[in-house]
């Protein structure tokens, strides 16, 4: 009887750890997606600024 309880306890611990690991992985993946989205936004912003300064230069000439 005690053996099966111990076994269930061990299994439960293992499951909880596995879930925590998966959750952490998901969180890190989400964070990575957010970071890459921010980078995309930054790149778009940079290219817009380049275009704007190019237009200004053309207008002066």
N, C-alpha and C. Protein backbone atom coordinates (compact mmCIF):
# COMPACT_ATOMS: atom_id res chain seq x y z
N UNK A 1 0.84 -1.21 0.00
CA UNK A 1 0.00 0.00 0.00
C UNK A 1 0.88 1.26 0.00
N UNK A 2 1.83 1.30 0.89
CA UNK A 2 2.69 2.48 0.93
C UNK A 2 3.48 2.62 -0.37
N UNK A 3 3.82 1.47 -0.95
CA UNK A 3 4.59 1.51 -2.19
C UNK A 3 3.80 2.22 -3.28
N UNK A 4 2.54 1.87 -3.44
CA UNK A 4 1.73 2.48 -4.50
C UNK A 4 1.53 3.98 -4.24
N UNK A 5 1.36 4.34 -2.98
CA UNK A 5 1.24 5.77 -2.66
C UNK A 5 2.51 6.51 -3.04
N UNK A 6 3.63 5.92 -2.69
CA UNK A 6 4.92 6.52 -3.03
C UNK A 6 5.07 6.63 -4.54
N UNK A 7 4.66 5.59 -5.23
CA UNK A 7 4.74 5.59 -6.69
C UNK A 7 3.89 6.72 -7.28
N UNK A 8 2.67 6.86 -6.77
CA UNK A 8 1.77 7.92 -7.23
C UNK A 8 2.39 9.29 -6.95
N UNK A 9 2.98 9.42 -5.76
CA UNK A 9 3.63 10.68 -5.39
C UNK A 9 4.75 11.01 -6.38
N UNK A 10 5.59 10.01 -6.66
CA UNK A 10 6.70 10.22 -7.60
C UNK A 10 6.18 10.61 -8.97
N UNK A 11 5.16 9.89 -9.43
CA UNK A 11 4.59 10.16 -10.74
C UNK A 11 4.05 11.59 -10.79
N UNK A 12 3.36 11.98 -9.70
CA UNK A 12 2.80 13.32 -9.62
C UNK A 12 3.90 14.38 -9.70
N UNK A 13 4.97 14.18 -8.93
CA UNK A 13 6.11 15.11 -8.95
C UNK A 13 6.67 15.24 -10.36
N UNK A 14 6.86 14.09 -11.00
CA UNK A 14 7.43 14.08 -12.36
C UNK A 14 6.52 14.84 -13.31
N UNK A 15 5.22 14.58 -13.22
CA UNK A 15 4.25 15.27 -14.07
C UNK A 15 4.31 16.78 -13.86
N UNK A 16 4.34 17.20 -12.60
CA UNK A 16 4.38 18.63 -12.29
C UNK A 16 5.62 19.27 -12.89
N UNK A 17 6.76 18.59 -12.74
CA UNK A 17 8.00 19.13 -13.29
C UNK A 17 7.91 19.25 -14.80
N UNK A 18 7.34 18.21 -15.42
CA UNK A 18 7.23 18.21 -16.88
C UNK A 18 6.34 19.38 -17.32
N UNK A 19 5.24 19.58 -16.61
CA UNK A 19 4.34 20.69 -16.94
C UNK A 19 5.05 22.03 -16.79
N UNK A 20 5.78 22.18 -15.68
CA UNK A 20 6.51 23.43 -15.45
C UNK A 20 7.48 23.69 -16.59
N UNK A 21 8.20 22.63 -16.99
CA UNK A 21 9.17 22.78 -18.09
C UNK A 21 8.46 23.23 -19.36
N UNK A 22 7.33 22.59 -19.67
CA UNK A 22 6.58 22.93 -20.88
C UNK A 22 6.09 24.37 -20.82
N UNK A 23 5.55 24.75 -19.65
CA UNK A 23 5.07 26.13 -19.49
C UNK A 23 6.20 27.12 -19.69
N UNK A 24 7.36 26.79 -19.10
CA UNK A 24 8.50 27.69 -19.23
C UNK A 24 8.91 27.81 -20.70
N UNK A 25 8.88 26.67 -21.40
CA UNK A 25 9.24 26.66 -22.82
C UNK A 25 8.28 27.56 -23.59
N UNK A 26 6.97 27.40 -23.30
CA UNK A 26 5.96 28.22 -23.98
C UNK A 26 6.20 29.70 -23.72
N UNK A 27 6.46 30.03 -22.45
CA UNK A 27 6.71 31.43 -22.10
C UNK A 27 7.91 31.97 -22.86
N UNK A 28 8.99 31.18 -22.90
CA UNK A 28 10.18 31.63 -23.59
C UNK A 28 9.90 31.80 -25.08
N UNK A 29 9.11 30.89 -25.64
CA UNK A 29 8.75 30.98 -27.06
C UNK A 29 7.95 32.26 -27.30
N UNK A 30 6.98 32.52 -26.42
CA UNK A 30 6.18 33.75 -26.54
C UNK A 30 7.09 34.97 -26.48
N UNK A 31 8.01 34.98 -25.52
CA UNK A 31 8.92 36.11 -25.37
C UNK A 31 9.77 36.27 -26.63
N UNK A 32 10.22 35.15 -27.19
CA UNK A 32 11.02 35.19 -28.42
C UNK A 32 10.20 35.79 -29.56
N UNK A 33 8.92 35.38 -29.64
CA UNK A 33 8.04 35.93 -30.68
C UNK A 33 7.88 37.43 -30.49
N UNK A 34 7.66 37.86 -29.26
CA UNK A 34 7.50 39.29 -28.97
C UNK A 34 8.77 40.03 -29.37
N UNK A 35 9.92 39.48 -28.98
CA UNK A 35 11.19 40.12 -29.32
C UNK A 35 11.35 40.25 -30.82
N UNK A 36 11.03 39.19 -31.57
CA UNK A 36 11.21 39.25 -33.01
C UNK A 36 10.22 40.23 -33.64
N UNK A 37 9.01 40.31 -33.07
CA UNK A 37 8.04 41.30 -33.54
C UNK A 37 8.57 42.71 -33.32
N UNK A 38 9.16 42.95 -32.15
CA UNK A 38 9.71 44.27 -31.86
C UNK A 38 10.85 44.58 -32.83
N UNK A 39 11.67 43.58 -33.13
CA UNK A 39 12.76 43.78 -34.08
C UNK A 39 12.20 44.15 -35.44
N UNK A 40 11.15 43.42 -35.87
CA UNK A 40 10.52 43.72 -37.16
C UNK A 40 10.03 45.15 -37.17
N UNK A 41 9.37 45.55 -36.09
CA UNK A 41 8.86 46.92 -35.99
C UNK A 41 10.00 47.92 -36.07
N UNK A 42 11.09 47.63 -35.38
CA UNK A 42 12.25 48.52 -35.39
C UNK A 42 12.82 48.62 -36.80
N UNK A 43 12.93 47.49 -37.49
CA UNK A 43 13.47 47.49 -38.85
C UNK A 43 12.59 48.31 -39.78
N UNK A 44 11.26 48.15 -39.65
CA UNK A 44 10.34 48.93 -40.47
C UNK A 44 10.54 50.42 -40.19
N UNK A 45 10.66 50.76 -38.92
CA UNK A 45 10.84 52.15 -38.52
C UNK A 45 12.12 52.71 -39.14
N UNK A 46 13.20 51.93 -39.06
CA UNK A 46 14.48 52.36 -39.64
C UNK A 46 14.34 52.61 -41.13
N UNK A 47 13.70 51.69 -41.84
CA UNK A 47 13.60 51.85 -43.29
C UNK A 47 12.74 53.05 -43.65
N UNK A 48 11.70 53.32 -42.85
CA UNK A 48 10.86 54.51 -43.09
C UNK A 48 11.70 55.77 -42.90
N UNK A 49 12.50 55.80 -41.82
CA UNK A 49 13.35 56.97 -41.58
C UNK A 49 14.33 57.17 -42.73
N UNK A 50 14.92 56.09 -43.21
CA UNK A 50 15.85 56.19 -44.34
C UNK A 50 15.15 56.79 -45.54
N UNK A 51 13.94 56.29 -45.82
CA UNK A 51 13.18 56.80 -46.96
C UNK A 51 12.88 58.28 -46.79
N UNK A 52 12.47 58.67 -45.59
CA UNK A 52 12.14 60.06 -45.32
C UNK A 52 13.37 60.95 -45.54
N UNK A 53 14.52 60.55 -45.00
CA UNK A 53 15.72 61.38 -45.16
C UNK A 53 16.12 61.42 -46.63
N UNK A 54 15.90 60.34 -47.35
CA UNK A 54 16.21 60.30 -48.78
C UNK A 54 15.32 61.30 -49.53
N UNK A 55 14.04 61.34 -49.16
CA UNK A 55 13.11 62.27 -49.80
C UNK A 55 13.53 63.71 -49.51
N UNK A 56 13.91 63.99 -48.26
CA UNK A 56 14.35 65.34 -47.89
C UNK A 56 15.54 65.75 -48.73
N UNK A 57 16.51 64.85 -48.85
CA UNK A 57 17.72 65.16 -49.63
C UNK A 57 17.33 65.44 -51.08
N UNK A 58 16.45 64.63 -51.64
CA UNK A 58 16.03 64.83 -53.03
C UNK A 58 15.33 66.17 -53.18
N UNK A 59 14.52 66.55 -52.20
CA UNK A 59 13.78 67.80 -52.27
C UNK A 59 14.74 68.98 -52.24
N UNK A 60 15.82 68.88 -51.46
CA UNK A 60 16.78 69.98 -51.37
C UNK A 60 17.49 70.14 -52.71
N UNK A 61 17.85 69.02 -53.32
CA UNK A 61 18.54 69.08 -54.62
C UNK A 61 17.52 69.48 -55.66
